[in-house]
């Protein structure tokens, strides 16, 4: 009896060894798969996992994009990490040099593809909208509507009728997963980070509300190309406000004019608009663009000069004057020469 059991065990031993060896082989194969890229070419691939897509559908998208070689092993990896219901829908920028484990981790964490968007100083809401639409980051109609939604803006701490002037010009990293509300909130939050309580107190000291301060800064932004001239342009506007003179800021004459392109004409200066400072007295009811920090600081700290006029010299700079006679001479010298 003992001899028979020994013979049976001896027969099973090679089978057990083979099973262990096969298991170790499978484990080694799986571990190798986890860490091995599809290839070494580092080909960049953009994939989008639609909202509501099943895990099976997501794996098919990755496979079709050339990011997965063995679906069965990828399913095993996902099951091991309990990831079947954890991957997040969205747009991803992946690479064939990434391992399956790396790809799965990015999708679990929701590391969506980012679009770097630079919003220049002096852009108004319409131009900002167009820039965001270029990368298909927003629905234009939804975005524009939200920039005028007083309830939404109030929830972000903006008491104005529009987000104009409060979408801070800067470089942002957006994803297509972000909603229009999230994008607007990010830009307004950046504005609130930049405009300090000290700046708001300074505005109050010189008799300006926050809305008036940003409005004035937007006029300076649109008029002054040179950094050195911004405090001078600011001085002209401050002096005119004190003397109760119309500001006569050219960009206000065409603000909100649909499809405006080219130069400002005399007919524009006569245009009836609540923003046209050739027609209205004082500041417009709100900003006409998003001013940068330099224009904001210029609005708060105008140069100590008595200028009340300026005219473009056709090279990006301006000639400033303290009286009408000098101004007319400058107009004759620069503008008539241009014409």
Protein backbone atom coordinates (compact mmCIF):
# COMPACT_ATOMS: atom_id res chain seq x y z
CA UNK A 1 0.00 0.00 0.00
CA UNK A 2 2.79 2.40 0.91
CA UNK A 3 4.63 1.56 -2.28
CA UNK A 4 1.51 2.29 -4.38
CA UNK A 5 1.02 5.74 -2.78
CA UNK A 6 4.65 6.54 -3.37
CA UNK A 7 4.30 5.61 -7.03
CA UNK A 8 1.18 7.78 -7.42
CA UNK A 9 2.90 10.80 -5.76
CA UNK A 10 5.92 10.35 -7.98
CA UNK A 11 3.65 10.48 -11.01
CA UNK A 12 1.87 13.66 -9.77
CA UNK A 13 5.07 15.51 -8.94
CA UNK A 14 6.05 16.36 -12.54
CA UNK A 15 2.49 17.53 -13.20
CA UNK A 16 2.59 19.83 -10.17
CA UNK A 17 5.97 21.20 -11.24
CA UNK A 18 4.63 21.81 -14.74
CA UNK A 19 1.58 23.61 -13.33
CA UNK A 20 3.77 25.80 -11.11
CA UNK A 21 6.11 26.53 -13.99
CA UNK A 22 3.18 27.42 -16.26
CA UNK A 23 1.71 29.70 -13.57
CA UNK A 24 5.03 31.43 -13.14
CA UNK A 25 5.28 31.83 -16.89
CA UNK A 26 1.80 33.39 -17.06
CA UNK A 27 2.65 35.70 -14.17
CA UNK A 28 5.91 36.76 -15.81
CA UNK A 29 4.10 37.33 -19.09
CA UNK A 30 1.45 39.42 -17.35
CA UNK A 31 4.00 41.48 -15.42
CA UNK A 32 5.97 42.06 -18.61
CA UNK A 33 2.79 43.16 -20.36
CA UNK A 34 1.96 45.60 -17.55
CA UNK A 35 5.24 47.46 -17.96
CA UNK A 36 5.86 47.09 -21.68
CA UNK A 37 4.83 49.80 -24.18
CA UNK A 38 3.06 48.95 -27.40
CA UNK A 39 6.18 50.09 -29.22
CA UNK A 40 9.15 52.40 -28.74
CA UNK A 41 8.20 54.91 -31.44
CA UNK A 42 6.49 57.27 -28.96
CA UNK A 43 3.64 57.98 -31.36
CA UNK A 44 1.26 60.54 -29.86
CA UNK A 45 -2.38 59.49 -30.07
CA UNK A 46 -5.47 61.47 -29.08
CA UNK A 47 -8.49 59.41 -28.09
CA UNK A 48 -11.86 60.43 -26.74
CA UNK A 49 -13.92 58.18 -24.49
CA UNK A 50 -17.54 59.32 -24.91
CA UNK A 51 -19.71 59.98 -21.89
CA UNK A 52 -21.64 56.82 -21.02
CA UNK A 53 -19.32 54.50 -22.97
CA UNK A 54 -18.89 51.01 -21.47
CA UNK A 55 -15.49 49.71 -20.45
CA UNK A 56 -15.62 47.29 -23.36
CA UNK A 57 -16.25 50.17 -25.76
CA UNK A 58 -13.36 52.15 -24.20
CA UNK A 59 -10.99 49.19 -24.66
CA UNK A 60 -12.08 48.89 -28.29
CA UNK A 61 -11.33 52.60 -28.84
CA UNK A 62 -7.87 52.16 -27.33
CA UNK A 63 -7.24 49.04 -29.37
CA UNK A 64 -8.34 50.66 -32.62
CA UNK A 65 -6.00 53.57 -31.84
CA UNK A 66 -3.08 51.15 -31.58
CA UNK A 67 -2.60 51.59 -27.83
CA UNK A 68 -3.48 48.04 -26.78
CA UNK A 69 -2.04 44.82 -28.21
CA UNK A 70 -3.77 42.18 -26.09
CA UNK A 71 -7.33 42.97 -25.03
CA UNK A 72 -7.58 39.90 -22.75
CA UNK A 73 -4.54 40.95 -20.74
CA UNK A 74 -5.83 44.54 -20.53
CA UNK A 75 -9.17 43.24 -19.21
CA UNK A 76 -7.25 41.22 -16.62
CA UNK A 77 -5.28 44.29 -15.61
CA UNK A 78 -8.47 46.34 -15.26
CA UNK A 79 -10.12 43.61 -13.18
CA UNK A 80 -7.05 43.41 -10.94
CA UNK A 81 -7.28 47.17 -10.31
CA UNK A 82 -11.08 47.11 -10.13
CA UNK A 83 -11.04 49.73 -12.85
CA UNK A 84 -13.94 48.63 -15.07
CA UNK A 85 -16.25 51.29 -13.62
CA UNK A 86 -13.59 53.82 -12.64
CA UNK A 87 -12.22 55.13 -15.92
CA UNK A 88 -13.42 58.64 -16.72
CA UNK A 89 -14.91 59.73 -20.01
CA UNK A 90 -13.03 62.49 -21.78
CA UNK A 91 -10.25 63.32 -24.21
CA UNK A 92 -6.79 61.87 -23.58
CA UNK A 93 -3.41 62.49 -25.12
CA UNK A 94 -1.62 59.13 -24.95
CA UNK A 95 1.45 57.56 -26.49
CA UNK A 96 2.40 54.14 -27.83
CA UNK A 97 5.46 54.33 -25.57
CA UNK A 98 3.19 54.19 -22.50
CA UNK A 99 2.62 50.88 -20.76
CA UNK A 100 -0.92 49.49 -20.34
CA UNK A 101 -0.64 50.16 -16.59
CA UNK A 102 0.28 53.81 -17.25
CA UNK A 103 -2.59 54.25 -19.72
CA UNK A 104 -5.09 52.75 -17.30
CA UNK A 105 -3.87 54.93 -14.43
CA UNK A 106 -4.24 58.10 -16.52
CA UNK A 107 -7.81 57.15 -17.36
CA UNK A 108 -8.66 56.30 -13.75
CA UNK A 109 -7.28 59.67 -12.57
CA UNK A 110 -8.93 61.53 -15.44
CA UNK A 111 -5.73 63.15 -16.73
CA UNK A 112 -7.46 64.73 -19.70
CA UNK A 113 -5.74 66.34 -22.65
CA UNK A 114 -5.02 69.99 -21.92
CA UNK A 115 -5.22 72.90 -24.35
CA UNK A 116 -2.93 75.81 -23.61
CA UNK A 117 -4.85 78.96 -24.48
CA UNK A 118 -3.33 82.44 -24.35
CA UNK A 119 -5.87 85.24 -23.93
CA UNK A 120 -4.15 88.52 -24.91
CA UNK A 121 -4.68 91.77 -23.04
CA UNK A 122 -7.31 93.91 -24.69
CA UNK A 123 -9.51 91.05 -25.92
CA UNK A 124 -13.21 91.60 -25.42
CA UNK A 125 -15.72 88.84 -24.65
CA UNK A 126 -16.46 88.19 -28.32
CA UNK A 127 -12.78 87.71 -29.16
CA UNK A 128 -12.26 85.53 -26.10
CA UNK A 129 -15.24 83.43 -27.16
CA UNK A 130 -13.83 83.03 -30.67
CA UNK A 131 -10.43 82.03 -29.30
CA UNK A 132 -11.93 79.33 -27.08
CA UNK A 133 -14.12 78.10 -29.92
CA UNK A 134 -11.03 77.56 -32.09
CA UNK A 135 -10.07 74.60 -29.88
CA UNK A 136 -13.70 73.47 -29.55
CA UNK A 137 -13.61 74.11 -25.82
CA UNK A 138 -17.00 75.80 -25.63
CA UNK A 139 -20.41 76.09 -27.16
CA UNK A 140 -20.41 79.71 -28.36
CA UNK A 141 -24.08 80.39 -27.63
CA UNK A 142 -23.88 78.87 -24.14
CA UNK A 143 -20.68 80.73 -23.29
CA UNK A 144 -21.98 84.11 -24.47
CA UNK A 145 -25.23 83.63 -22.59
CA UNK A 146 -23.37 82.83 -19.37
CA UNK A 147 -21.20 85.95 -19.67
CA UNK A 148 -24.44 87.95 -19.36
CA UNK A 149 -26.12 85.78 -16.72
CA UNK A 150 -26.32 88.07 -13.69
CA UNK A 151 -27.28 85.26 -11.30
CA UNK A 152 -24.28 83.18 -12.38
CA UNK A 153 -21.92 86.15 -12.27
CA UNK A 154 -23.19 87.15 -8.84
CA UNK A 155 -22.38 83.64 -7.58
CA UNK A 156 -18.77 84.34 -8.63
CA UNK A 157 -18.67 87.67 -6.81
CA UNK A 158 -19.20 89.86 -9.90
CA UNK A 159 -22.00 92.41 -9.53
CA UNK A 160 -21.79 93.71 -13.11
CA UNK A 161 -24.27 92.98 -15.91
CA UNK A 162 -21.57 91.28 -17.97
CA UNK A 163 -18.32 89.39 -17.54
CA UNK A 164 -16.68 91.91 -19.88
CA UNK A 165 -13.44 93.08 -18.31
CA UNK A 166 -13.41 90.36 -15.66
CA UNK A 167 -12.13 87.46 -17.80
CA UNK A 168 -8.50 88.01 -16.94
CA UNK A 169 -6.06 87.94 -19.87
CA UNK A 170 -3.55 85.18 -19.19
CA UNK A 171 -2.38 81.76 -20.37
CA UNK A 172 -4.68 78.94 -19.29
CA UNK A 173 -4.75 75.15 -19.46
CA UNK A 174 -8.27 74.01 -20.33
CA UNK A 175 -9.70 70.60 -21.15
CA UNK A 176 -12.70 69.74 -23.28
CA UNK A 177 -14.15 68.04 -20.23
CA UNK A 178 -14.60 71.46 -18.61
CA UNK A 179 -17.97 73.14 -18.89
CA UNK A 180 -18.48 76.73 -20.00
CA UNK A 181 -19.22 77.64 -16.38
CA UNK A 182 -15.95 76.11 -15.21
CA UNK A 183 -13.94 78.02 -17.82
CA UNK A 184 -15.57 81.35 -16.94
CA UNK A 185 -15.09 80.63 -13.24
CA UNK A 186 -11.39 79.91 -13.77
CA UNK A 187 -10.87 83.20 -15.63
CA UNK A 188 -12.80 85.27 -13.12
CA UNK A 189 -10.98 83.58 -10.24
CA UNK A 190 -7.69 84.57 -11.89
CA UNK A 191 -8.97 88.17 -12.04
CA UNK A 192 -9.87 88.06 -8.35
CA UNK A 193 -6.40 86.74 -7.52
CA UNK A 194 -4.71 89.53 -9.47
CA UNK A 195 -6.86 92.47 -8.33
CA UNK A 196 -5.87 92.78 -4.69
CA UNK A 197 -7.82 94.43 -1.85
CA UNK A 198 -5.14 97.15 -1.84
CA UNK A 199 -5.90 97.94 -5.49
CA UNK A 200 -9.62 98.17 -4.73
CA UNK A 201 -8.91 100.49 -1.78
CA UNK A 202 -6.77 102.69 -4.03
CA UNK A 203 -9.63 102.89 -6.53
CA UNK A 204 -11.96 104.06 -3.76
CA UNK A 205 -9.40 106.67 -2.65
CA UNK A 206 -9.41 108.25 -6.12
CA UNK A 207 -13.20 108.14 -6.34
CA UNK A 208 -13.70 105.04 -8.49
CA UNK A 209 -15.81 101.97 -7.83
CA UNK A 210 -14.34 98.62 -8.84
CA UNK A 211 -16.48 98.64 -12.00
CA UNK A 212 -15.34 102.16 -12.89
CA UNK A 213 -11.71 101.27 -12.18
CA UNK A 214 -11.82 98.24 -14.52
CA UNK A 215 -13.71 100.25 -17.12
CA UNK A 216 -11.07 102.98 -17.11
CA UNK A 217 -8.30 100.35 -17.26
CA UNK A 218 -9.97 98.80 -20.32
CA UNK A 219 -9.97 102.18 -22.12
CA UNK A 220 -6.27 102.61 -21.35
CA UNK A 221 -5.60 99.06 -22.58
CA UNK A 222 -7.27 99.74 -25.92
CA UNK A 223 -5.64 103.14 -26.46
CA UNK A 224 -2.04 102.64 -25.30
CA UNK A 225 0.24 100.20 -27.09
CA UNK A 226 3.39 101.26 -25.27
CA UNK A 227 3.84 100.43 -21.60
CA UNK A 228 5.52 103.79 -21.00
CA UNK A 229 2.46 105.67 -22.31
CA UNK A 230 -0.19 104.00 -20.20
CA UNK A 231 0.19 106.33 -17.19
CA UNK A 232 0.07 109.29 -19.62
CA UNK A 233 -3.12 108.05 -21.32
CA UNK A 234 -4.53 107.46 -17.85
CA UNK A 235 -3.67 111.04 -16.89
CA UNK A 236 -5.54 112.39 -19.92
CA UNK A 237 -8.67 110.45 -18.96
CA UNK A 238 -8.43 111.40 -15.29
CA UNK A 239 -7.93 115.08 -16.17
CA UNK A 240 -10.88 115.02 -18.57
CA UNK A 241 -13.11 113.41 -15.94
CA UNK A 242 -12.16 116.13 -13.46
CA UNK A 243 -12.85 118.86 -16.01
CA UNK A 244 -16.15 117.15 -17.02
CA UNK A 245 -14.92 116.83 -20.61
CA UNK A 246 -16.00 113.95 -22.80
CA UNK A 247 -13.33 111.25 -22.83
CA UNK A 248 -13.44 110.85 -26.62
CA UNK A 249 -11.84 107.42 -26.54
CA UNK A 250 -11.99 106.06 -30.11
CA UNK A 251 -12.39 102.33 -29.28
CA UNK A 252 -15.58 103.05 -27.33
CA UNK A 253 -17.21 104.36 -30.52
CA UNK A 254 -17.10 100.93 -32.15
CA UNK A 255 -17.53 98.73 -29.08
CA UNK A 256 -20.30 96.19 -29.65
CA UNK A 257 -20.49 97.02 -33.35
CA UNK A 258 -21.17 93.75 -35.13
CA UNK A 259 -18.68 92.79 -37.81
CA UNK A 260 -16.51 95.88 -37.33
CA UNK A 261 -13.22 95.72 -39.23
CA UNK A 262 -10.77 98.39 -40.31
CA UNK A 263 -10.35 101.98 -39.23
CA UNK A 264 -12.65 104.15 -37.14
CA UNK A 265 -14.57 106.68 -39.23
CA UNK A 266 -16.23 109.98 -38.33
CA UNK A 267 -19.61 108.27 -38.63
CA UNK A 268 -18.53 105.89 -35.88
CA UNK A 269 -17.70 108.82 -33.60
CA UNK A 270 -21.27 110.12 -34.02
CA UNK A 271 -22.79 106.69 -33.38
CA UNK A 272 -25.42 106.63 -30.67
CA UNK A 273 -24.31 104.06 -28.12
CA UNK A 274 -24.19 104.03 -24.31
CA UNK A 275 -20.48 103.21 -24.65
CA UNK A 276 -19.51 105.90 -27.16
CA UNK A 277 -17.53 108.45 -25.15
CA UNK A 278 -17.80 110.96 -28.01
CA UNK A 279 -21.54 111.06 -27.26
CA UNK A 280 -21.88 110.26 -23.56
CA UNK A 281 -20.38 112.08 -20.59
CA UNK A 282 -17.99 110.30 -18.25
CA UNK A 283 -17.08 106.63 -18.33
CA UNK A 284 -19.01 104.00 -20.27
CA UNK A 285 -21.36 101.78 -18.21
CA UNK A 286 -18.79 98.97 -18.19
CA UNK A 287 -15.44 97.77 -19.55
CA UNK A 288 -14.89 97.37 -23.28
CA UNK A 289 -12.21 94.69 -22.98
CA UNK A 290 -10.11 92.73 -20.50
CA UNK A 291 -7.29 94.97 -19.24
CA UNK A 292 -3.92 93.62 -18.12
CA UNK A 293 -2.14 94.49 -14.88
CA UNK A 294 -0.13 97.34 -16.42
CA UNK A 295 -3.27 99.13 -17.56
CA UNK A 296 -4.93 98.50 -14.19
CA UNK A 297 -1.99 100.02 -12.34
CA UNK A 298 -1.95 102.95 -14.76
CA UNK A 299 -5.64 103.57 -14.03
CA UNK A 300 -4.84 103.74 -10.32
CA UNK A 301 -1.62 105.74 -10.66
CA UNK A 302 -1.86 108.25 -13.54
CA UNK A 303 1.20 110.30 -14.43
CA UNK A 304 1.37 113.71 -12.67
CA UNK A 305 0.85 115.74 -15.86
CA UNK A 306 -1.79 118.18 -17.10
CA UNK A 307 -2.35 116.60 -20.54
CA UNK A 308 -5.91 116.52 -21.82
CA UNK A 309 -5.29 115.51 -25.44
CA UNK A 310 -3.33 112.90 -27.35
CA UNK A 311 -3.08 111.92 -30.98
CA UNK A 312 -1.53 108.85 -32.62
CA UNK A 313 1.85 109.39 -34.26
CA UNK A 314 1.31 106.37 -36.56
CA UNK A 315 4.18 104.41 -35.05
CA UNK A 316 2.39 103.04 -32.00
CA UNK A 317 3.15 106.10 -29.86
CA UNK A 318 1.17 109.30 -29.18
CA UNK A 319 1.75 113.03 -28.99
CA UNK A 320 0.30 114.46 -25.77
CA UNK A 321 -0.88 118.05 -25.34
CA UNK A 322 -2.12 120.27 -22.54
CA UNK A 323 -4.13 122.68 -24.69
CA UNK A 324 -6.22 122.61 -27.84
CA UNK A 325 -3.81 124.73 -29.89
CA UNK A 326 -0.93 122.30 -29.34
CA UNK A 327 -3.24 119.40 -29.98
CA UNK A 328 -4.45 120.83 -33.30
CA UNK A 329 -0.85 121.31 -34.37
CA UNK A 330 -0.14 117.68 -33.50
CA UNK A 331 -3.21 116.53 -35.43
CA UNK A 332 -2.09 118.56 -38.43
CA UNK A 333 1.40 117.14 -38.21
CA UNK A 334 0.54 113.46 -37.76
CA UNK A 335 -3.02 112.80 -38.90
CA UNK A 336 -3.17 115.11 -41.90
CA UNK A 337 0.18 113.74 -43.02
CA UNK A 338 -1.24 110.24 -42.70
CA UNK A 339 -4.33 111.14 -44.70
